[in-house]
Amino acid sequence: MGSSFEELEVWGKSCRLSVRLYKLLRDCRDYGMKDQMLRSSISIPSNIAERNRFIDFFTLRGYR
């Protein structure tokens, strides 16, 4: 199997982006925009992690 997604630079940067957005938008009163931006920022590292699990699944079964 490959290296962990947590070792990927892009995963770390996307996590830091999410933390920054949470801090920046803490007092935002436009709740719709705030919610969309936060959900979008969380989806980036989540999708990276999910893709890694998907690849591991097929690698374990000899498809790769």
N, C-alpha and C. Protein backbone atom coordinates (compact mmCIF):
# COMPACT_ATOMS: atom_id res chain seq x y z
N MET A 1 0.83 -1.18 0.00
CA MET A 1 0.00 0.00 0.00
C MET A 1 0.87 1.24 0.00
N GLY A 2 0.30 2.34 -0.48
CA GLY A 2 1.02 3.60 -0.53
C GLY A 2 1.09 4.27 0.82
N SER A 3 1.67 5.43 0.80
CA SER A 3 1.80 6.17 2.05
C SER A 3 0.44 6.72 2.46
N SER A 4 0.35 7.11 3.70
CA SER A 4 -0.89 7.61 4.25
C SER A 4 -1.23 8.98 3.67
N PHE A 5 -2.52 9.25 3.53
CA PHE A 5 -2.94 10.55 3.02
C PHE A 5 -2.52 11.68 3.96
N GLU A 6 -2.31 11.36 5.24
CA GLU A 6 -1.90 12.38 6.20
C GLU A 6 -0.49 12.90 5.92
N GLU A 7 0.27 12.15 5.14
CA GLU A 7 1.62 12.56 4.78
C GLU A 7 1.63 13.46 3.54
N LEU A 8 0.51 13.59 2.86
CA LEU A 8 0.43 14.41 1.66
C LEU A 8 0.41 15.89 2.03
N GLU A 9 1.23 16.67 1.34
CA GLU A 9 1.29 18.11 1.60
C GLU A 9 -0.07 18.78 1.34
N VAL A 10 -0.74 18.36 0.28
CA VAL A 10 -2.02 18.97 -0.06
C VAL A 10 -3.07 18.70 1.02
N TRP A 11 -3.02 17.54 1.65
CA TRP A 11 -3.97 17.23 2.72
C TRP A 11 -3.72 18.15 3.92
N GLY A 12 -2.46 18.32 4.28
CA GLY A 12 -2.12 19.20 5.40
C GLY A 12 -2.52 20.64 5.14
N LYS A 13 -2.25 21.11 3.92
CA LYS A 13 -2.63 22.49 3.58
C LYS A 13 -4.14 22.68 3.60
N SER A 14 -4.87 21.69 3.13
CA SER A 14 -6.33 21.82 3.13
C SER A 14 -6.89 21.81 4.55
N CYS A 15 -6.27 21.06 5.44
CA CYS A 15 -6.70 21.08 6.84
C CYS A 15 -6.43 22.44 7.47
N ARG A 16 -5.26 23.00 7.18
CA ARG A 16 -4.93 24.33 7.72
C ARG A 16 -5.86 25.40 7.16
N LEU A 17 -6.24 25.26 5.89
CA LEU A 17 -7.20 26.19 5.30
C LEU A 17 -8.53 26.14 6.04
N SER A 18 -9.00 24.95 6.35
CA SER A 18 -10.26 24.80 7.08
C SER A 18 -10.20 25.48 8.44
N VAL A 19 -9.10 25.28 9.14
CA VAL A 19 -8.94 25.90 10.46
C VAL A 19 -8.95 27.42 10.33
N ARG A 20 -8.24 27.95 9.34
CA ARG A 20 -8.21 29.40 9.12
C ARG A 20 -9.60 29.94 8.83
N LEU A 21 -10.34 29.23 7.98
CA LEU A 21 -11.69 29.69 7.65
C LEU A 21 -12.59 29.68 8.87
N TYR A 22 -12.50 28.66 9.70
CA TYR A 22 -13.30 28.62 10.92
C TYR A 22 -13.01 29.85 11.78
N LYS A 23 -11.74 30.21 11.89
CA LYS A 23 -11.37 31.38 12.70
C LYS A 23 -11.83 32.67 12.05
N LEU A 24 -11.64 32.79 10.74
CA LEU A 24 -12.03 34.02 10.04
C LEU A 24 -13.53 34.24 10.03
N LEU A 25 -14.28 33.17 9.92
CA LEU A 25 -15.73 33.28 9.79
C LEU A 25 -16.48 33.14 11.11
N ARG A 26 -15.76 33.10 12.20
CA ARG A 26 -16.38 32.90 13.51
C ARG A 26 -17.51 33.89 13.78
N ASP A 27 -17.30 35.16 13.43
CA ASP A 27 -18.29 36.20 13.72
C ASP A 27 -19.14 36.58 12.51
N CYS A 28 -19.03 35.84 11.44
CA CYS A 28 -19.79 36.14 10.22
C CYS A 28 -21.29 35.95 10.48
N ARG A 29 -22.08 36.93 10.06
CA ARG A 29 -23.53 36.84 10.28
C ARG A 29 -24.29 36.32 9.07
N ASP A 30 -23.61 36.19 7.96
CA ASP A 30 -24.25 35.61 6.78
C ASP A 30 -24.11 34.09 6.92
N TYR A 31 -25.07 33.50 7.62
CA TYR A 31 -24.96 32.09 7.99
C TYR A 31 -24.97 31.15 6.79
N GLY A 32 -25.69 31.52 5.75
CA GLY A 32 -25.71 30.68 4.56
C GLY A 32 -24.35 30.60 3.89
N MET A 33 -23.72 31.77 3.71
CA MET A 33 -22.39 31.81 3.11
C MET A 33 -21.37 31.12 4.01
N LYS A 34 -21.46 31.41 5.29
CA LYS A 34 -20.53 30.81 6.26
C LYS A 34 -20.62 29.29 6.22
N ASP A 35 -21.83 28.78 6.26
CA ASP A 35 -22.04 27.34 6.26
C ASP A 35 -21.49 26.70 4.98
N GLN A 36 -21.77 27.32 3.84
CA GLN A 36 -21.30 26.77 2.56
C GLN A 36 -19.78 26.77 2.49
N MET A 37 -19.15 27.86 2.92
CA MET A 37 -17.69 27.94 2.87
C MET A 37 -17.05 26.91 3.80
N LEU A 38 -17.60 26.75 4.99
CA LEU A 38 -17.03 25.79 5.93
C LEU A 38 -17.22 24.35 5.45
N ARG A 39 -18.40 24.05 4.95
CA ARG A 39 -18.63 22.69 4.43
C ARG A 39 -17.73 22.39 3.24
N SER A 40 -17.55 23.38 2.38
CA SER A 40 -16.67 23.20 1.22
C SER A 40 -15.23 22.98 1.64
N SER A 41 -14.78 23.74 2.64
CA SER A 41 -13.38 23.60 3.07
C SER A 41 -13.13 22.25 3.73
N ILE A 42 -14.12 21.73 4.43
CA ILE A 42 -13.98 20.42 5.07
C ILE A 42 -14.00 19.30 4.03
N SER A 43 -14.72 19.53 2.93
CA SER A 43 -14.83 18.47 1.92
C SER A 43 -13.50 18.19 1.22
N ILE A 44 -12.60 19.17 1.18
CA ILE A 44 -11.33 18.97 0.48
C ILE A 44 -10.50 17.87 1.15
N PRO A 45 -10.13 18.01 2.44
CA PRO A 45 -9.35 16.93 3.06
C PRO A 45 -10.15 15.63 3.17
N SER A 46 -11.46 15.75 3.31
CA SER A 46 -12.29 14.54 3.39
C SER A 46 -12.24 13.75 2.09
N ASN A 47 -12.31 14.44 0.97
CA ASN A 47 -12.25 13.76 -0.33
C ASN A 47 -10.88 13.15 -0.59
N ILE A 48 -9.83 13.83 -0.15
CA ILE A 48 -8.48 13.27 -0.29
C ILE A 48 -8.36 11.97 0.50
N ALA A 49 -8.85 11.99 1.73
CA ALA A 49 -8.80 10.79 2.58
C ALA A 49 -9.64 9.66 1.99
N GLU A 50 -10.81 10.00 1.49
CA GLU A 50 -11.69 8.97 0.92
C GLU A 50 -11.06 8.34 -0.32
N ARG A 51 -10.44 9.14 -1.14
CA ARG A 51 -9.77 8.62 -2.34
C ARG A 51 -8.66 7.65 -1.95
N ASN A 52 -7.92 8.00 -0.91
CA ASN A 52 -6.85 7.14 -0.43
C ASN A 52 -7.40 5.80 0.05
N ARG A 53 -8.50 5.81 0.76
CA ARG A 53 -9.11 4.56 1.23
C ARG A 53 -9.62 3.73 0.06
N PHE A 54 -10.15 4.39 -0.95
CA PHE A 54 -10.65 3.71 -2.14
C PHE A 54 -9.51 2.99 -2.86
N ILE A 55 -8.39 3.67 -3.03
CA ILE A 55 -7.22 3.06 -3.68
C ILE A 55 -6.70 1.89 -2.84
N ASP A 56 -6.63 2.05 -1.53
CA ASP A 56 -6.18 0.97 -0.65
C ASP A 56 -7.09 -0.25 -0.76
N PHE A 57 -8.39 -0.03 -0.87
CA PHE A 57 -9.35 -1.11 -1.00
C PHE A 57 -9.03 -1.98 -2.21
N PHE A 58 -8.80 -1.35 -3.36
CA PHE A 58 -8.51 -2.11 -4.57
C PHE A 58 -7.11 -2.69 -4.57
N THR A 59 -6.17 -2.00 -3.95
CA THR A 59 -4.80 -2.51 -3.88
C THR A 59 -4.76 -3.79 -3.06
N LEU A 60 -5.48 -3.82 -1.96
CA LEU A 60 -5.51 -5.01 -1.11
C LEU A 60 -6.09 -6.22 -1.84
N ARG A 61 -6.96 -5.98 -2.79
CA ARG A 61 -7.60 -7.07 -3.51
C ARG A 61 -6.87 -7.44 -4.80
N GLY A 62 -5.72 -6.83 -5.03
CA GLY A 62 -4.90 -7.18 -6.17
C GLY A 62 -5.34 -6.58 -7.49
N TYR A 63 -6.18 -5.57 -7.47
CA TYR A 63 -6.63 -4.94 -8.71
C TYR A 63 -5.65 -3.92 -9.23
N ARG A 64 -4.64 -3.62 -8.48
CA ARG A 64 -3.70 -2.58 -8.88
C ARG A 64 -2.31 -3.11 -8.86
